[in-house]
Amino acid sequence: MASNYLVANTEKTKLLVFRPSHEKDQTPIMINIDGKKIFESECEKLLGLHISKDLRWAGHVQVMK
């Protein structure tokens, strides 16, 4: 982004990490953007879909009921 003179909006930036559930190290990830900490989310809404980090649709289906 920096090479294209772009800046991430830290108020709208989210972090969703997809990894196998059997992976031993499930430590949440945190990134730092312009001095603001962005923590890994369990689930995020993208284009009307609720996507969870385990790629299951239970959260989306539950919201739709």
N, C-alpha and C. Protein backbone atom coordinates (compact mmCIF):
# COMPACT_ATOMS: atom_id res chain seq x y z
N MET A 1 0.82 -1.19 0.00
CA MET A 1 0.00 0.00 0.00
C MET A 1 0.87 1.26 0.00
N ALA A 2 1.94 1.23 0.76
CA ALA A 2 2.78 2.43 0.88
C ALA A 2 3.39 2.81 -0.46
N SER A 3 3.76 1.80 -1.26
CA SER A 3 4.38 2.12 -2.55
C SER A 3 3.39 2.76 -3.52
N ASN A 4 2.09 2.59 -3.27
CA ASN A 4 1.05 3.21 -4.09
C ASN A 4 0.43 4.42 -3.40
N TYR A 5 1.07 4.88 -2.32
CA TYR A 5 0.63 6.06 -1.57
C TYR A 5 -0.80 5.89 -1.02
N LEU A 6 -1.10 4.69 -0.57
CA LEU A 6 -2.40 4.41 0.03
C LEU A 6 -2.25 4.25 1.54
N VAL A 7 -3.29 4.57 2.27
CA VAL A 7 -3.29 4.45 3.72
C VAL A 7 -4.55 3.69 4.14
N ALA A 8 -4.36 2.69 5.00
CA ALA A 8 -5.51 1.92 5.50
C ALA A 8 -6.28 2.75 6.51
N ASN A 9 -7.61 2.69 6.42
CA ASN A 9 -8.46 3.36 7.40
C ASN A 9 -8.53 2.46 8.62
N THR A 10 -7.88 2.87 9.70
CA THR A 10 -7.80 2.02 10.89
C THR A 10 -9.14 1.84 11.58
N GLU A 11 -10.11 2.71 11.31
CA GLU A 11 -11.44 2.55 11.90
C GLU A 11 -12.25 1.46 11.20
N LYS A 12 -11.91 1.17 9.95
CA LYS A 12 -12.66 0.18 9.17
C LYS A 12 -11.87 -1.11 8.94
N THR A 13 -10.60 -1.14 9.25
CA THR A 13 -9.75 -2.30 8.99
C THR A 13 -10.02 -3.39 10.01
N LYS A 14 -10.23 -4.60 9.53
CA LYS A 14 -10.47 -5.78 10.38
C LYS A 14 -9.47 -6.85 10.01
N LEU A 15 -9.25 -7.80 10.90
CA LEU A 15 -8.31 -8.89 10.67
C LEU A 15 -9.01 -10.21 10.93
N LEU A 16 -9.09 -11.03 9.91
CA LEU A 16 -9.71 -12.35 10.00
C LEU A 16 -8.71 -13.36 9.45
N VAL A 17 -8.27 -14.29 10.29
CA VAL A 17 -7.25 -15.26 9.91
C VAL A 17 -7.91 -16.62 9.77
N PHE A 18 -7.74 -17.24 8.61
CA PHE A 18 -8.28 -18.58 8.35
C PHE A 18 -7.17 -19.59 8.60
N ARG A 19 -7.42 -20.54 9.50
CA ARG A 19 -6.45 -21.58 9.80
C ARG A 19 -7.18 -22.85 10.22
N PRO A 20 -6.55 -24.00 10.07
CA PRO A 20 -7.20 -25.25 10.46
C PRO A 20 -7.50 -25.28 11.95
N SER A 21 -8.65 -25.84 12.31
CA SER A 21 -9.04 -25.89 13.72
C SER A 21 -8.14 -26.84 14.52
N HIS A 22 -7.48 -27.78 13.86
CA HIS A 22 -6.61 -28.71 14.57
C HIS A 22 -5.21 -28.14 14.79
N GLU A 23 -4.95 -26.95 14.28
CA GLU A 23 -3.64 -26.31 14.48
C GLU A 23 -3.42 -26.04 15.96
N LYS A 24 -2.27 -26.41 16.48
CA LYS A 24 -2.00 -26.30 17.91
C LYS A 24 -1.92 -24.85 18.36
N ASP A 25 -1.24 -24.00 17.62
CA ASP A 25 -1.07 -22.61 18.03
C ASP A 25 -2.25 -21.77 17.53
N GLN A 26 -3.20 -21.52 18.41
CA GLN A 26 -4.38 -20.72 18.08
C GLN A 26 -4.29 -19.33 18.71
N THR A 27 -3.07 -18.87 18.98
CA THR A 27 -2.86 -17.57 19.60
C THR A 27 -3.40 -16.48 18.66
N PRO A 28 -4.27 -15.61 19.17
CA PRO A 28 -4.81 -14.53 18.33
C PRO A 28 -3.69 -13.62 17.82
N ILE A 29 -3.84 -13.16 16.60
CA ILE A 29 -2.85 -12.31 15.96
C ILE A 29 -3.27 -10.85 16.12
N MET A 30 -2.28 -9.98 16.24
CA MET A 30 -2.52 -8.55 16.33
C MET A 30 -1.56 -7.86 15.37
N ILE A 31 -2.07 -6.88 14.62
CA ILE A 31 -1.20 -6.08 13.75
C ILE A 31 -1.29 -4.63 14.19
N ASN A 32 -0.28 -3.86 13.82
CA ASN A 32 -0.21 -2.45 14.19
C ASN A 32 -0.23 -1.61 12.92
N ILE A 33 -1.23 -0.77 12.76
CA ILE A 33 -1.34 0.10 11.60
C ILE A 33 -1.38 1.54 12.10
N ASP A 34 -0.35 2.29 11.76
CA ASP A 34 -0.28 3.70 12.11
C ASP A 34 -0.48 3.93 13.61
N GLY A 35 0.10 3.04 14.42
CA GLY A 35 0.02 3.18 15.86
C GLY A 35 -1.24 2.62 16.50
N LYS A 36 -2.17 2.11 15.70
CA LYS A 36 -3.40 1.53 16.24
C LYS A 36 -3.34 0.01 16.12
N LYS A 37 -3.69 -0.67 17.20
CA LYS A 37 -3.66 -2.13 17.22
C LYS A 37 -4.95 -2.68 16.62
N ILE A 38 -4.80 -3.62 15.69
CA ILE A 38 -5.93 -4.31 15.07
C ILE A 38 -5.84 -5.78 15.51
N PHE A 39 -6.87 -6.24 16.23
CA PHE A 39 -6.87 -7.60 16.75
C PHE A 39 -7.66 -8.53 15.84
N GLU A 40 -7.28 -9.79 15.85
CA GLU A 40 -7.96 -10.82 15.07
C GLU A 40 -9.41 -10.96 15.53
N SER A 41 -10.32 -11.10 14.58
CA SER A 41 -11.75 -11.25 14.87
C SER A 41 -12.18 -12.71 14.74
N GLU A 42 -13.24 -13.05 15.43
CA GLU A 42 -13.85 -14.37 15.30
C GLU A 42 -14.73 -14.43 14.05
N CYS A 43 -15.43 -13.32 13.76
CA CYS A 43 -16.38 -13.26 12.65
C CYS A 43 -16.47 -11.82 12.17
N GLU A 44 -16.61 -11.63 10.85
CA GLU A 44 -16.76 -10.31 10.27
C GLU A 44 -17.84 -10.34 9.20
N LYS A 45 -18.47 -9.20 8.99
CA LYS A 45 -19.50 -9.08 7.96
C LYS A 45 -18.85 -8.48 6.71
N LEU A 46 -18.99 -9.16 5.58
CA LEU A 46 -18.43 -8.71 4.31
C LEU A 46 -19.48 -8.89 3.22
N LEU A 47 -19.90 -7.79 2.63
CA LEU A 47 -20.90 -7.81 1.56
C LEU A 47 -22.17 -8.55 1.99
N GLY A 48 -22.56 -8.37 3.24
CA GLY A 48 -23.80 -8.97 3.73
C GLY A 48 -23.66 -10.38 4.26
N LEU A 49 -22.48 -10.97 4.13
CA LEU A 49 -22.24 -12.33 4.65
C LEU A 49 -21.45 -12.25 5.94
N HIS A 50 -21.83 -13.07 6.90
CA HIS A 50 -21.07 -13.17 8.14
C HIS A 50 -20.09 -14.32 7.98
N ILE A 51 -18.81 -13.99 7.89
CA ILE A 51 -17.77 -14.99 7.64
C ILE A 51 -17.01 -15.20 8.94
N SER A 52 -16.94 -16.46 9.37
CA SER A 52 -16.20 -16.77 10.60
C SER A 52 -14.82 -17.29 10.24
N LYS A 53 -13.92 -17.23 11.22
CA LYS A 53 -12.54 -17.63 10.96
C LYS A 53 -12.41 -19.13 10.70
N ASP A 54 -13.42 -19.93 11.08
CA ASP A 54 -13.37 -21.37 10.80
C ASP A 54 -14.12 -21.73 9.51
N LEU A 55 -14.60 -20.71 8.80
CA LEU A 55 -15.31 -20.87 7.52
C LEU A 55 -16.57 -21.74 7.63
N ARG A 56 -17.23 -21.65 8.75
CA ARG A 56 -18.52 -22.32 8.92
C ARG A 56 -19.60 -21.26 8.84
N TRP A 57 -20.78 -21.64 8.48
CA TRP A 57 -21.85 -20.67 8.22
C TRP A 57 -22.83 -20.53 9.38
N ALA A 58 -22.54 -21.11 10.53
CA ALA A 58 -23.46 -21.07 11.65
C ALA A 58 -23.79 -19.63 12.06
N GLY A 59 -22.80 -18.76 12.10
CA GLY A 59 -23.04 -17.37 12.48
C GLY A 59 -23.92 -16.64 11.48
N HIS A 60 -23.73 -16.89 10.21
CA HIS A 60 -24.53 -16.26 9.17
C HIS A 60 -25.96 -16.77 9.21
N VAL A 61 -26.13 -18.07 9.35
CA VAL A 61 -27.47 -18.67 9.37
C VAL A 61 -28.22 -18.19 10.61
N GLN A 62 -27.55 -18.08 11.75
CA GLN A 62 -28.18 -17.66 12.99
C GLN A 62 -28.66 -16.21 12.87
N VAL A 63 -27.91 -15.34 12.22
CA VAL A 63 -28.30 -13.94 12.05
C VAL A 63 -29.50 -13.84 11.12
N MET A 64 -29.60 -14.71 10.15
CA MET A 64 -30.66 -14.65 9.16
C MET A 64 -32.01 -15.11 9.73
N LYS A 65 -32.04 -15.85 10.84
CA LYS A 65 -33.29 -16.37 11.41
C LYS A 65 -34.13 -15.27 11.99
